[in-house]
Amino acid sequence: MLDIDKSMPITTLRGLLVRQKGKCAISGVPLTTANMIGDHIEPLKKMKEQGNTQYDNKENVWLVHKAFNRIKSTSSYDQLIENCKMILAHEKEARKMIREIRKGGIKEVGLDEFKDLTEKHYDSKTDTLEFK
């Protein structure tokens, strides 16, 4: 998260707000002084790891709604889009699961049964459970 009061000249912030037509760069939601925050397009940590010393400058900042800043977190914009695509591709199954959970339709699994299931379905290469 960028402290816009200290890091950016007010003229740059005004320019961003005008360029973005007063809307969040990620979602298009209208920005207010209460919901607006400066966001690094490429996360600082990633830029530092790549040896980029020009990571905290006006070429790496846009204005976003605080809620979308929390969702984006330390992802790059491209990572955020890929994550959103995965969520949308899984939406039907996730909604079905929500309905089942809310109806109390989740079977409790004892330790022995869980051990059996994990032995059958554990993939050590990916360190995941693969149910087919």
Foldseek 3Di string as FASTA:
>chain_A
DDPCVPQDDVVLQVVQCVVLVQAAPQPRHHDDPVFKDKDFLAAPVVCVVVVNPPRRDSVGIHIHGNVVCVQCPNPHSVVSVVVVVVCVVCVVVVVVVVVCVVVVNDDDDDPVRVVVQCVVAQDPVVRDGDDD
